[in-house]
Amino acid sequence: MDTAMVQDWVAQNLVMAFSLLVILCVILYLFTRNIVARGLITIAGRTANKVDDSLVKHLHPYRIAWLAPLGAIFALAYLAPAYALVLRRGALFLIMWITVVTINGLMDALNEIYEGRPGFNGVSIQSYLDIAKIMLVVVAVILSISLFSGESPVVLLTGLGALTAVLLLIFQDTILSLVASVQIAANDLIKEGDFIEVPSYGAEGEVVNISLHTIKVQNSDKTFTVIPTFKIVDVAYKNWRGMRESGGRRIQRSLLVDMNTVRFCDEELLVRLQKIDLIHDYLQERIAKIRAYQKEHADHYDSPLDGPQITNTEVFRIYIERYLRDRKDIHQEGMPFLVRTLAPTPSGLPIELYVFARTTQWEVYEGIQAEVFDHLLAAAGHFDLRVFQEPTGQDFAGFAHRLAQNGIGSAVTIRA
């Protein structure tokens, strides 16, 4: 049976031919869906490899099953010359858009596979994949218009020149985001997994996704902040990646000492502090210098300002330094290590620690910092130093109680 005879039969039995085509399409669809697509899903589920799981999840084999009946319609459309053009255009239109959606899914799968690698360093490629998706959709739209209008795609592209200004206005954010994505990637500004602070957007957390148009940040309180990609290069932000890569996190905190308790160490205090192992050798050397000076200038040594005196704050600073040097969780070399006295303030004399913990994990870092300052707060009293604290209600109550015991409170009257 030649093609002409089949075309004549189709023309004379249009309803039956259409029914046979529908039955053929249903059979092809069921076969492709239940045998091919389901087989691929089953095989992917039984393998230990995660790559095929990502491909199956994003490609949707059940959706691809529609290509079989559509391909049959396109291939057999010539048997009905009167309807061949409509059938071919309709089938080709659907095939093209299913293919576009499938390719977009393939790009999502590639991005997931790329970011799921053990060696993933946070450099996202999703922005470039988003650009490819936009270009693919634009090409599909042009081809769709060309398909139904019968015009060449070249003619359509030529006509778009007059709409350039409108397109630039419509795709303004996309173009700005594209430029920003290139800057972010070229200058290595932000990666997925970085902890950033963007005060102007209230963002403080980990970057979980970088796409063409948005940067998604999960804040410390588990909320999400979405920042336009092109805005991140225009606003001030802080990236904590350098801290993580350095392997140390800074401890910069001051201990406020009541300046009324700052004094020169007398013999009794020095002897008592000399029993502390961490500063025993230091105080032994200083005491020897003080005694040598006193012996040398015994004829006129009569002031605490004479000679190499030492204050309790100085001894306390040396103790803090030795204490921190003795801790294994503090960086001893390669990073700043400083214990210093800052300018006096109305709240006391600040003794500042400027050191780096041997960790970048927030919980561990806070534990180290708390342990250090708990120890120093308890140790200050052994150096006859008092940590400054604003008076509380209990302090005023105690003061009033002492006044009452001394008979002063009873002499105070209040006149209306």
Protein backbone atom coordinates (compact mmCIF):
# COMPACT_ATOMS: atom_id res chain seq x y z
CA MET A 1 0.00 0.00 0.00
CA ASP A 2 1.57 3.26 -1.16
CA THR A 3 1.33 6.68 0.44
CA ALA A 4 -1.33 7.98 -1.97
CA MET A 5 -3.73 5.13 -1.19
CA VAL A 6 -3.29 5.69 2.55
CA GLN A 7 -3.92 9.41 2.15
CA ASP A 8 -7.13 8.68 0.14
CA TRP A 9 -8.31 6.23 2.83
CA VAL A 10 -7.64 8.79 5.56
CA ALA A 11 -9.54 11.47 3.64
CA GLN A 12 -12.56 9.15 3.22
CA ASN A 13 -12.45 7.78 6.81
CA LEU A 14 -11.32 10.79 8.78
CA VAL A 15 -13.02 9.83 12.06
CA MET A 16 -11.64 6.30 12.02
CA ALA A 17 -8.15 7.55 11.11
CA PHE A 18 -8.28 10.08 13.93
CA SER A 19 -9.41 7.35 16.34
CA LEU A 20 -6.57 5.07 15.25
CA LEU A 21 -4.10 7.93 15.75
CA VAL A 22 -5.44 8.56 19.25
CA ILE A 23 -5.19 4.85 20.11
CA LEU A 24 -1.61 4.75 18.78
CA CYS A 25 -0.68 7.82 20.82
CA VAL A 26 -2.19 6.34 23.99
CA ILE A 27 -0.32 3.06 23.46
CA LEU A 28 2.98 4.89 22.86
CA TYR A 29 2.43 7.12 25.90
CA LEU A 30 1.56 4.21 28.22
CA PHE A 31 4.50 2.18 26.95
CA THR A 32 6.96 5.06 27.35
CA ARG A 33 5.58 6.05 30.76
CA ASN A 34 5.15 2.61 32.36
CA ILE A 35 8.07 0.78 30.79
CA VAL A 36 10.77 3.30 29.89
CA ALA A 37 10.18 6.13 32.40
CA ARG A 38 9.27 3.90 35.34
CA GLY A 39 12.21 1.63 34.52
CA LEU A 40 14.59 4.58 34.67
CA ILE A 41 13.15 5.70 38.03
CA THR A 42 13.44 2.17 39.44
CA ILE A 43 17.04 1.75 38.28
CA ALA A 44 18.01 5.14 39.70
CA GLY A 45 16.43 4.29 43.04
CA ARG A 46 18.37 1.02 43.36
CA THR A 47 21.82 2.45 42.68
CA ALA A 48 24.05 3.94 45.38
CA ASN A 49 25.08 6.77 43.08
CA LYS A 50 23.32 10.08 43.80
CA VAL A 51 23.95 11.51 40.33
CA ASP A 52 21.21 9.49 38.64
CA ASP A 53 18.82 10.38 41.49
CA SER A 54 19.34 14.10 40.77
CA LEU A 55 18.87 13.54 37.04
CA VAL A 56 15.63 11.61 37.51
CA LYS A 57 14.29 14.14 40.03
CA HIS A 58 14.80 17.15 37.77
CA LEU A 59 14.23 15.60 34.32
CA HIS A 60 10.81 14.08 35.25
CA PRO A 61 10.78 10.98 32.99
CA TYR A 62 6.96 10.87 33.11
CA ARG A 63 6.88 14.29 31.42
CA ILE A 64 9.36 13.19 28.76
CA ALA A 65 7.00 10.29 27.96
CA TRP A 66 4.81 12.79 26.10
CA LEU A 67 7.49 13.12 23.42
CA ALA A 68 6.69 9.65 22.01
CA PRO A 69 3.04 10.33 20.99
CA LEU A 70 3.89 13.86 19.86
CA GLY A 71 6.68 12.47 17.70
CA ALA A 72 4.24 9.99 16.19
CA ILE A 73 1.78 12.79 15.35
CA PHE A 74 4.54 14.82 13.71
CA ALA A 75 5.78 11.80 11.75
CA LEU A 76 2.33 10.67 10.53
CA ALA A 77 0.89 14.11 9.81
CA TYR A 78 1.68 13.76 6.08
CA LEU A 79 -1.00 11.07 5.79
CA ALA A 80 -3.63 13.79 6.21
CA PRO A 81 -2.51 16.55 3.81
CA ALA A 82 -5.44 18.81 4.67
CA TYR A 83 -4.45 18.88 8.35
CA ALA A 84 -0.74 18.13 8.03
CA LEU A 85 0.41 21.72 8.58
CA VAL A 86 -1.69 22.20 11.73
CA LEU A 87 -0.71 18.82 13.17
CA ARG A 88 2.97 19.35 12.50
CA ARG A 89 3.04 22.87 13.92
CA GLY A 90 1.09 21.85 17.02
CA ALA A 91 3.22 18.75 17.63
CA LEU A 92 6.45 20.62 16.96
CA PHE A 93 5.40 23.45 19.30
CA LEU A 94 4.71 21.04 22.17
CA ILE A 95 7.87 19.01 21.48
CA MET A 96 9.95 22.18 21.52
CA TRP A 97 8.58 23.45 24.85
CA ILE A 98 8.78 20.05 26.55
CA THR A 99 12.39 19.91 25.38
CA VAL A 100 13.05 23.41 26.75
CA VAL A 101 11.56 22.51 30.14
CA THR A 102 13.57 19.27 30.15
CA ILE A 103 16.83 21.07 29.35
CA ASN A 104 16.10 23.56 32.15
CA GLY A 105 15.60 20.61 34.49
CA LEU A 106 18.88 19.13 33.26
CA MET A 107 20.62 22.40 34.20
CA ASP A 108 19.09 22.24 37.69
CA ALA A 109 20.33 18.67 38.00
CA LEU A 110 23.83 19.68 36.89
CA ASN A 111 23.84 22.47 39.48
CA GLU A 112 22.75 20.08 42.23
CA ILE A 113 25.39 17.52 41.22
CA TYR A 114 28.05 20.25 41.09
CA GLU A 115 27.19 21.61 44.54
CA GLY A 116 26.92 18.10 45.98
CA ARG A 117 30.52 17.20 45.16
CA PRO A 118 32.83 16.59 48.15
CA GLY A 119 35.25 19.17 46.73
CA PHE A 120 32.63 21.92 46.32
CA ASN A 121 34.24 25.17 47.51
CA GLY A 122 31.15 27.39 47.49
CA VAL A 123 31.63 28.91 44.00
CA SER A 124 28.13 28.83 42.54
CA ILE A 125 27.40 28.30 38.84
CA GLN A 126 23.65 28.79 39.20
CA SER A 127 23.87 32.39 37.93
CA TYR A 128 25.37 31.22 34.64
CA LEU A 129 22.83 28.41 34.36
CA ASP A 130 20.03 30.96 34.92
CA ILE A 131 21.43 33.04 32.06
CA ALA A 132 21.46 29.96 29.83
CA LYS A 133 17.82 29.24 30.81
CA ILE A 134 16.74 32.78 29.91
CA MET A 135 18.51 32.59 26.56
CA LEU A 136 16.94 29.19 25.87
CA VAL A 137 13.45 30.48 26.65
CA VAL A 138 14.00 33.58 24.47
CA VAL A 139 15.10 31.37 21.55
CA ALA A 140 12.06 29.12 22.11
CA VAL A 141 9.70 32.12 22.09
CA ILE A 142 11.22 33.42 18.84
CA LEU A 143 10.99 29.98 17.23
CA SER A 144 7.38 29.63 18.43
CA ILE A 145 6.39 32.94 16.84
CA SER A 146 8.26 31.98 13.69
CA LEU A 147 6.54 28.58 13.67
CA PHE A 148 3.01 29.97 13.68
CA SER A 149 3.65 33.11 11.67
CA GLY A 150 5.66 31.46 8.96
CA GLU A 151 8.31 34.20 9.11
CA SER A 152 12.02 33.46 9.30
CA PRO A 153 13.59 33.81 12.78
CA VAL A 154 16.15 36.15 11.22
CA VAL A 155 13.35 38.57 10.26
CA LEU A 156 12.02 38.47 13.81
CA LEU A 157 15.46 39.12 15.27
CA THR A 158 15.89 42.07 12.91
CA GLY A 159 12.61 43.51 14.10
CA LEU A 160 13.70 43.25 17.71
CA GLY A 161 16.26 46.01 17.11
CA ALA A 162 13.50 48.60 17.32
CA LEU A 163 12.42 47.18 20.68
CA THR A 164 15.90 47.32 22.20
CA ALA A 165 15.07 50.21 24.52
CA VAL A 166 11.92 48.44 25.75
CA LEU A 167 13.80 45.18 26.26
CA LEU A 168 16.54 46.96 28.18
CA LEU A 169 13.92 48.46 30.46
CA ILE A 170 12.17 45.12 30.97
CA PHE A 171 15.39 43.21 31.58
CA GLN A 172 17.15 45.98 33.51
CA ASP A 173 17.42 43.98 36.74
CA THR A 174 18.53 40.89 34.82
CA ILE A 175 21.32 42.79 33.08
CA LEU A 176 22.46 44.40 36.34
CA SER A 177 22.36 41.00 38.05
CA LEU A 178 24.38 39.47 35.23
CA VAL A 179 27.10 42.10 35.62
CA ALA A 180 27.05 41.68 39.40
CA SER A 181 27.31 37.89 39.09
CA VAL A 182 30.39 38.26 36.91
CA GLN A 183 31.95 40.65 39.46
CA ILE A 184 31.14 38.32 42.36
CA ALA A 185 32.66 35.32 40.58
CA ALA A 186 35.68 37.15 39.14
CA ASN A 187 36.63 38.83 42.44
CA ASP A 188 35.62 35.87 44.63
CA LEU A 189 33.43 38.15 46.77
CA ILE A 190 30.82 35.69 48.05
CA LYS A 191 30.44 31.93 47.96
CA GLU A 192 27.70 29.62 49.12
CA GLY A 193 28.46 28.69 52.71
CA ASP A 194 30.00 32.08 53.57
CA PHE A 195 28.77 33.82 56.73
CA ILE A 196 27.99 37.44 55.84
CA GLU A 197 26.52 40.51 57.51
CA VAL A 198 24.52 42.99 55.41
CA PRO A 199 23.20 45.65 57.84
CA SER A 200 21.16 47.51 55.23
CA TYR A 201 19.06 44.37 54.63
CA GLY A 202 19.14 43.04 58.20
CA ALA A 203 20.95 39.91 57.02
CA GLU A 204 23.38 38.09 59.29
CA GLY A 205 23.90 34.47 58.46
CA GLU A 206 25.05 31.84 55.98
CA VAL A 207 24.67 32.19 52.22
CA VAL A 208 22.62 29.18 51.12
CA ASN A 209 22.01 30.06 47.49
CA ILE A 210 23.38 32.44 44.86
CA SER A 211 21.26 32.72 41.71
CA LEU A 212 21.15 35.21 38.89
CA HIS A 213 18.63 37.50 40.55
CA THR A 214 18.86 36.81 44.28
CA ILE A 215 21.22 35.86 47.09
CA LYS A 216 19.48 33.86 49.81
CA VAL A 217 20.85 34.17 53.35
CA GLN A 218 19.76 32.05 56.31
CA ASN A 219 20.08 34.22 59.40
CA SER A 220 21.27 33.07 62.79
CA ASP A 221 17.66 32.90 64.01
CA LYS A 222 16.86 30.53 61.09
CA THR A 223 14.91 33.14 59.14
CA PHE A 224 15.76 33.91 55.53
CA THR A 225 16.74 37.19 53.90
CA VAL A 226 16.68 37.53 50.11
CA ILE A 227 18.98 40.20 48.64
CA PRO A 228 18.95 41.22 44.96
CA THR A 229 22.21 40.09 43.42
CA PHE A 230 23.00 43.46 41.86
CA LYS A 231 22.50 45.20 45.23
CA ILE A 232 25.22 43.24 47.02
CA VAL A 233 27.92 45.12 45.11
CA ASP A 234 26.37 48.49 46.02
CA VAL A 235 25.98 48.11 49.79
CA ALA A 236 28.45 47.55 52.61
CA TYR A 237 28.69 43.99 53.89
CA LYS A 238 31.08 41.88 55.94
CA ASN A 239 32.21 38.41 54.88
CA TRP A 240 33.52 36.14 57.67
CA ARG A 241 35.17 33.69 55.26
CA GLY A 242 38.63 35.10 56.03
CA MET A 243 38.16 34.28 59.70
CA ARG A 244 37.17 30.70 58.89
CA GLU A 245 40.09 30.22 56.53
CA SER A 246 42.57 31.64 59.07
CA GLY A 247 41.65 28.99 61.64
CA GLY A 248 41.29 31.50 64.49
CA ARG A 249 38.62 33.79 65.89
CA ARG A 250 39.42 37.02 67.68
CA ILE A 251 38.77 37.57 71.37
CA GLN A 252 38.75 41.31 72.04
CA ARG A 253 37.19 42.13 75.38
CA SER A 254 38.11 44.29 78.36
CA LEU A 255 38.05 43.74 82.08
CA LEU A 256 37.21 46.97 83.95
CA VAL A 257 39.25 47.42 87.14
CA ASP A 258 38.20 49.85 89.87
CA MET A 259 40.97 52.46 89.83
CA ASN A 260 40.66 52.94 93.61
CA THR A 261 42.21 49.50 94.02
CA VAL A 262 45.27 50.18 91.84
CA ARG A 263 48.38 50.47 94.05
CA PHE A 264 52.05 49.59 94.39
CA CYS A 265 52.73 46.09 95.62
CA ASP A 266 54.17 45.96 99.12
CA GLU A 267 56.45 43.23 100.41
CA GLU A 268 53.58 41.21 101.82
CA LEU A 269 51.60 41.23 98.57
CA LEU A 270 54.64 40.33 96.47
CA VAL A 271 55.50 37.40 98.70
CA ARG A 272 51.92 36.17 98.54
CA LEU A 273 51.70 36.51 94.76
CA GLN A 274 55.07 34.82 94.32
CA LYS A 275 53.41 31.56 95.30
CA ILE A 276 51.47 31.57 92.01
CA ASP A 277 53.33 29.20 89.69
CA LEU A 278 52.63 31.11 86.48
CA ILE A 279 54.33 34.30 87.71
CA HIS A 280 56.77 32.89 90.28
CA ASP A 281 59.91 33.42 88.15
CA TYR A 282 58.79 36.88 87.03
CA LEU A 283 58.12 38.11 90.58
CA GLN A 284 61.31 36.53 91.89
CA GLU A 285 63.28 38.57 89.38
CA ARG A 286 61.38 41.79 90.14
CA ILE A 287 61.68 41.34 93.91
CA ALA A 288 65.43 40.81 93.50
CA LYS A 289 65.72 44.08 91.56
CA ILE A 290 63.68 45.98 94.16
CA ARG A 291 65.78 44.65 97.04
CA ALA A 292 69.02 45.38 95.20
CA TYR A 293 67.91 48.96 94.61
CA GLN A 294 66.85 49.37 98.25
CA LYS A 295 70.20 48.07 99.44
CA GLU A 296 72.12 50.31 97.05
CA HIS A 297 70.14 53.41 98.00
CA ALA A 298 69.51 52.59 101.64
CA ASP A 299 70.70 56.02 102.80
CA HIS A 300 67.84 57.87 101.06
CA TYR A 301 65.27 55.22 100.15
CA ASP A 302 62.11 56.47 101.84
CA SER A 303 59.40 56.77 99.17
CA PRO A 304 57.31 54.14 97.41
CA LEU A 305 58.10 56.03 94.19
CA ASP A 306 61.80 55.34 94.54
CA GLY A 307 63.28 52.52 92.51
CA PRO A 308 61.77 49.85 90.25
CA GLN A 309 58.36 49.55 91.86
CA ILE A 310 55.60 47.31 90.52
CA THR A 311 51.83 47.75 90.66
CA ASN A 312 49.21 45.10 91.22
CA THR A 313 47.71 45.83 87.78
CA GLU A 314 51.07 45.14 86.14
CA VAL A 315 51.37 41.83 87.96
CA PHE A 316 47.78 41.03 86.98
CA ARG A 317 48.53 41.73 83.29
CA ILE A 318 51.58 39.46 83.45
CA TYR A 319 49.44 36.79 85.08
CA ILE A 320 46.80 37.12 82.32
CA GLU A 321 49.46 36.79 79.63
CA ARG A 322 51.04 33.73 81.28
CA TYR A 323 47.59 32.20 81.82
CA LEU A 324 46.69 32.63 78.15
CA ARG A 325 50.09 31.34 77.04
CA ASP A 326 49.39 28.22 79.05
CA ARG A 327 46.11 27.50 77.25
CA LYS A 328 46.22 25.17 74.23
CA ASP A 329 43.05 26.66 72.71
CA ILE A 330 44.66 30.10 72.17
CA HIS A 331 46.91 30.89 69.19
CA GLN A 332 50.42 31.59 70.50
CA GLU A 333 52.11 32.46 67.18
CA GLY A 334 51.11 33.69 63.76
CA MET A 335 48.30 35.87 65.09
CA PRO A 336 48.20 38.95 67.34
CA PHE A 337 48.62 38.18 71.05
CA LEU A 338 48.23 41.23 73.27
CA VAL A 339 47.23 42.05 76.83
CA ARG A 340 47.17 45.80 77.31
CA THR A 341 45.84 48.62 79.50
CA LEU A 342 43.60 51.13 77.73
CA ALA A 343 42.89 54.74 78.65
CA PRO A 344 41.03 55.15 81.97
CA THR A 345 37.28 55.63 81.69
CA PRO A 346 34.55 56.70 84.15
CA SER A 347 33.73 53.00 84.47
CA GLY A 348 37.25 51.98 85.47
CA LEU A 349 40.60 51.02 84.02
CA PRO A 350 40.16 48.68 81.00
CA ILE A 351 42.56 45.73 80.74
CA GLU A 352 41.98 44.44 77.23
CA LEU A 353 42.65 40.99 75.82
CA TYR A 354 43.38 40.87 72.08
CA VAL A 355 44.05 37.23 71.21
CA PHE A 356 42.72 34.55 68.83
CA ALA A 357 41.07 31.27 69.79
CA ARG A 358 42.09 28.11 67.95
CA THR A 359 38.63 27.58 66.53
CA THR A 360 36.15 29.19 64.16
CA GLN A 361 33.08 27.41 65.52
CA TRP A 362 30.85 29.90 67.25
CA GLU A 363 29.76 27.64 70.13
CA VAL A 364 33.31 26.51 70.95
CA TYR A 365 34.62 30.08 70.64
CA GLU A 366 32.01 31.44 73.06
CA GLY A 367 32.85 28.66 75.52
CA ILE A 368 36.57 29.52 75.42
CA GLN A 369 35.88 33.24 75.86
CA ALA A 370 33.50 32.66 78.76
CA GLU A 371 35.94 30.31 80.49
CA VAL A 372 38.79 32.84 80.20
CA PHE A 373 36.84 35.75 81.63
CA ASP A 374 35.19 33.69 84.36
CA HIS A 375 38.66 32.77 85.52
CA LEU A 376 39.99 36.33 85.36
CA LEU A 377 36.99 37.77 87.22
CA ALA A 378 37.59 35.30 90.02
CA ALA A 379 41.38 35.86 89.98
CA ALA A 380 41.30 39.68 90.18
CA GLY A 381 40.63 39.66 93.93
CA HIS A 382 43.84 37.74 94.61
CA PHE A 383 45.76 40.76 93.29
CA ASP A 384 43.86 43.12 95.62
CA LEU A 385 41.94 44.42 92.62
CA ARG A 386 38.23 44.97 92.44
CA VAL A 387 36.30 44.67 89.19
CA PHE A 388 34.19 47.75 88.53
CA GLN A 389 30.43 47.33 88.63
CA GLU A 390 27.64 49.87 88.64
CA PRO A 391 25.88 50.05 92.02
CA THR A 392 22.72 47.99 92.27
CA GLY A 393 19.63 48.18 94.42
CA GLN A 394 21.25 45.84 96.92
CA ASP A 395 24.21 48.23 97.25
CA PHE A 396 21.90 51.17 98.02
CA ALA A 397 19.90 49.05 100.46
CA GLY A 398 23.09 48.09 102.29
CA PHE A 399 24.20 51.71 102.35
CA ALA A 400 20.87 52.82 103.81
CA HIS A 401 21.04 50.05 106.39
CA ARG A 402 24.48 51.19 107.52
CA LEU A 403 23.27 54.77 107.79
CA ALA A 404 20.38 53.64 109.94
CA GLN A 405 22.71 51.67 112.21
CA ASN A 406 24.85 54.77 112.70
CA GLY A 407 21.81 56.86 113.60
CA ILE A 408 22.12 59.05 110.55
CA GLY A 409 18.98 57.93 108.80
CA SER A 410 16.75 58.93 111.74
CA ALA A 411 17.92 62.55 111.49
CA VAL A 412 16.74 62.84 107.88
CA THR A 413 13.26 64.26 107.48
CA ILE A 414 11.24 64.99 104.40
CA ARG A 415 9.34 68.25 104.18
CA ALA A 416 6.39 68.66 101.93
